[in-house]
C-alpha atoms as a PDB file:
ATOM      1  CA  UNK A   1      -0.799   0.164   0.063  1.00  0.00           C
ATOM      2  CA  UNK A   2       1.318   3.485  -0.604  1.00  0.00           C
ATOM      3  CA  UNK A   3       1.393   5.933   1.848  1.00  0.00           C
ATOM      4  CA  UNK A   4       2.152   9.380   0.338  1.00  0.00           C
ATOM      5  CA  UNK A   5       1.745  11.498   3.181  1.00  0.00           C
ATOM      6  CA  UNK A   6       4.640  12.070   6.118  1.00  0.00           C
ATOM      7  CA  UNK A   7       3.315  13.822   9.724  1.00  0.00           C
ATOM      8  CA  UNK A   8       6.300  14.266  11.826  1.00  0.00           C
ATOM      9  CA  UNK A   9       5.080  14.391  15.066  1.00  0.00           C
ATOM     10  CA  UNK A  10       6.652  16.150  18.620  1.00  0.00           C
ATOM     11  CA  UNK A  11       6.753  13.582  21.646  1.00  0.00           C
ATOM     12  CA  UNK A  12       8.251  13.968  25.330  1.00  0.00           C
ATOM     13  CA  UNK A  13      10.426  10.992  26.244  1.00  0.00           C
ATOM     14  CA  UNK A  14       7.450   9.513  28.398  1.00  0.00           C
ATOM     15  CA  UNK A  15       4.862   9.644  24.844  1.00  0.00           C
ATOM     16  CA  UNK A  16       8.026   8.337  22.935  1.00  0.00           C
ATOM     17  CA  UNK A  17       8.858   5.315  25.881  1.00  0.00           C
ATOM     18  CA  UNK A  18       5.358   4.326  26.076  1.00  0.00           C
ATOM     19  CA  UNK A  19       4.590   4.467  22.615  1.00  0.00           C
ATOM     20  CA  UNK A  20       7.638   1.805  22.273  1.00  0.00           C
ATOM     21  CA  UNK A  21       6.749  -0.111  24.646  1.00  0.00           C
ATOM     22  CA  UNK A  22       3.838  -0.994  23.912  1.00  0.00           C
ATOM     23  CA  UNK A  23       4.788  -1.285  19.872  1.00  0.00           C
ATOM     24  CA  UNK A  24       7.275  -4.065  21.656  1.00  0.00           C
ATOM     25  CA  UNK A  25       4.833  -6.116  23.216  1.00  0.00           C
ATOM     26  CA  UNK A  26       2.808  -6.503  20.760  1.00  0.00           C
ATOM     27  CA  UNK A  27       5.345  -6.963  17.808  1.00  0.00           C
ATOM     28  CA  UNK A  28       4.811  -4.554  15.522  1.00  0.00           C
ATOM     29  CA  UNK A  29       6.306  -0.922  14.726  1.00  0.00           C
ATOM     30  CA  UNK A  30       5.320   2.169  16.480  1.00  0.00           C
ATOM     31  CA  UNK A  31       3.761   3.479  13.155  1.00  0.00           C
ATOM     32  CA  UNK A  32       1.739   0.314  13.087  1.00  0.00           C
ATOM     33  CA  UNK A  33       0.570   1.559  16.473  1.00  0.00           C
ATOM     34  CA  UNK A  34      -0.367   5.028  15.661  1.00  0.00           C
ATOM     35  CA  UNK A  35      -2.360   4.091  12.069  1.00  0.00           C
ATOM     36  CA  UNK A  36      -4.287   1.071  13.495  1.00  0.00           C
ATOM     37  CA  UNK A  37      -5.268   4.061  16.387  1.00  0.00           C
ATOM     38  CA  UNK A  38      -5.869   6.102  13.173  1.00  0.00           C
ATOM     39  CA  UNK A  39      -8.381   3.247  11.730  1.00  0.00           C
ATOM     40  CA  UNK A  40     -10.394   3.453  15.035  1.00  0.00           C
ATOM     41  CA  UNK A  41     -11.385   6.862  14.741  1.00  0.00           C
ATOM     42  CA  UNK A  42     -14.580   7.736  13.539  1.00  0.00           C
ATOM     43  CA  UNK A  43     -14.993   9.233  10.192  1.00  0.00           C
ATOM     44  CA  UNK A  44     -15.497  12.647   9.056  1.00  0.00           C
ATOM     45  CA  UNK A  45     -18.704  13.517   8.400  1.00  0.00           C
ATOM     46  CA  UNK A  46     -19.957  14.916   5.040  1.00  0.00           C
END
C-alpha cells in the first residue's frame, strides 16, 4: 500500500517510551500502533 503522506510528531520522553514499549509488547512497529489508532477514529462527516 502506498503511503504518500508524511506527518512529523514531537513526543516527550514519556510519550516515546509508552509508544515504544507498547509496540514492542505487540511486536509491531510504532507506526503501526499509530495507524491502528487512527483507523479506530470516527469517519469525518461530509
